[in-house]
């Protein structure tokens, strides 16, 4: 029956397409699904045992179609016109030619298979239905529209003998390979069969039956085993008849709606269909013991089945196209699909596994991508999956190999796909944003970056000044003013990357001139000359002696305040100072937000007395507090010098604040000492830091000057000079 039994093909699914009548225009390289709305009798659809082809007539009114035996697809560019209304096909004795009964032209044509041409026309005196080659120079041809069978001279087409097996029914014919036996069975009214000896031109009836229930267009004959198979409805399934007796010898039962039969004698398999809505299926039976070899759920109503002995593929037609099933186990690409570009990262690479007819047990299954073995598993017996994400296979071109093996063989599929999901988005925030100063700590945060596929695993920074860093959150300090391009590159675990860049401008922090301010509460302090100054500012239930107000940033204005407190128990012990620190921290907490002391209190001598300096941050509102406390037991007082500034700008005001603390003086006379009004001494002393220290400190300049405060004498004040209520 031809073909290498080891030659197998992949399981291929044909798309669902409905075609209109007639032969569509075609061109080389165009892919067309196979229509299956007509021409589905076993005399009209014939597999070639020696070629990967199936031949079909009846799809339209005049053509012979050549089909791919692995997929069922029509090879449209090879379609051959043979005449009006072709009705049946048979092979020549050598298998190189086809006899086509052309009922509309009262002729049989001979087609050279390899040349795809009609090489001879045999005229007939009647309209043919079924044609079979016989003994040398003989054809057996049944009539269309009548009940006669004719023995015809192949050369001339002349009728030698005519006879009627079962009037008035048309009959289909099958002839033994040597042409000495002829089987005729009725075209309607069930399948009534007659077997003749035709060793001469006078047929001799050898066997007949009274008919079996079945589909006369769904009949196949195996002369080597001398068996006949009929698709039937009572019972549902396939009837196996002996050619010697034409009696039923076995039933192969299917579910309701039996509608097809096909045969692979070399594999000892017979195939049937049942068309019953969603319960439709393909059935395979073992001829050796009658057992069911496999049932395949189809989910759609099939109409015809053909088995190719050359490709060992079973093709199932339905109104939606054709599906192909190989006898041997096969594996075929699934995800990502071959020769495609996947825009979503395939976390699993998968292949469809067909375990063959009959089903084999898979002993080994594996998938490799670019030579790397994936962790694999088989789900539902037909999907082989490989985990491509542990660790991830980098994006790009994937060369995929999927393989399964069983006790007697193995099969593999290789394909290529491009994996190109959208790259990650690189983005970052920074604070402060503007202005930016030389020497200032700038915080960069890349957590705004995100990946469409995979996970970001690397953040790479280039700050434009030759420095680099890694990490989602980094800090940088610029040593020089200028324009800098800050570049962030993010990389994912699947090999994708993206870059974002922005230009920032860094400037030198402007010079600040500090000048002395003297307050009647008994202290002198250096303050920025360009800042607004307010005296005796109510804050809650208290009054702050001086408040300097400077530039505003994201969280508000920058201020330095000096608050004088009277306490008869004031002393310069560590315990007392610790208590003042705790008190002041508590007061800062009462302002709201989330206060965190970031630099604990450290000792510092201020105005010749014991002091403490600490830093706290309101992490909720982004405000920094730098505090200097100084105590004078002699004067029974303590003072708080407070810098309030946007947290991002604390570093640039730190030098100014240190200078203000260093310049703080207590002018209050000691108890018992003679006093005088400072306002009565209009003495002005002006000097720069350069004159005092010989240079600049962090860009801060100051002038020491005694400035007389002019205030109205009508304001009621206490002994400390504070307003009375």
Foldseek 3Di string as FASTA:
>chain_A
DAADQVFADFWDDDFFDFDDADQDDDDPPDFDFDADPWQFFCFAWAFQRHDQWIWGDTSHFFWIWIARNFFRTTPSVLIAGDEGHWAGWEADLVRQWIWIQHQVQQWIFIAGVVVSDTPDIAHEPAGFHEWYDAAVQWIWTWGDPAQKIFIARNVHRHTDDIDGPDPGFTWYWDADSNRQKIKIWGQDPATWIWMWGPPDVDTDTQETDPHDAAHRRAKDADVVQQWIWGQHVVPHAIFIAHNNHRDTDDGQHDDGAKAHWEDQVVQQKIWIWHFDAQQTWIWIARNVPGHTLDIGGDNHGWHYWYAHNHNQWIWTHDSGGITIDHQAKEKAFDPPDFPEEAQAAPQKGKIFIDQHGRGFDWPDKWKDWPRHTFDWDDPPNTMIIGGCVVPHAAFAKIWMKIKTAGDPGIYIDIGIYGYHHPFKAWDWDKPPAPDAEAFFKIKIARPVIDGPHAGWDWKKKDWQPRDIDIDRMDIDGHHDWDKGKIKIKIAGSNGGIDMDIDIHTYYHDAAFAWEWEDFLLFKIWTDGPPWDKDAQPDDPPGTWGIKTWDDAGDLGIKIKTKRKFAALPWDQDPVNQVVVVVVVQVVVVVVDAAKDWPFDWDWDQFQNFIKTWTKMARVGRQKIKIWIKGTDNQARMIMIIIIIGRNSCCSLCVQVVVRRRNRMHGRDDGPPDDDDDPLVDQDWFWDWVCVVVVDDDSSYIYIYTYDRDDDDPPFDADPSRHGDD
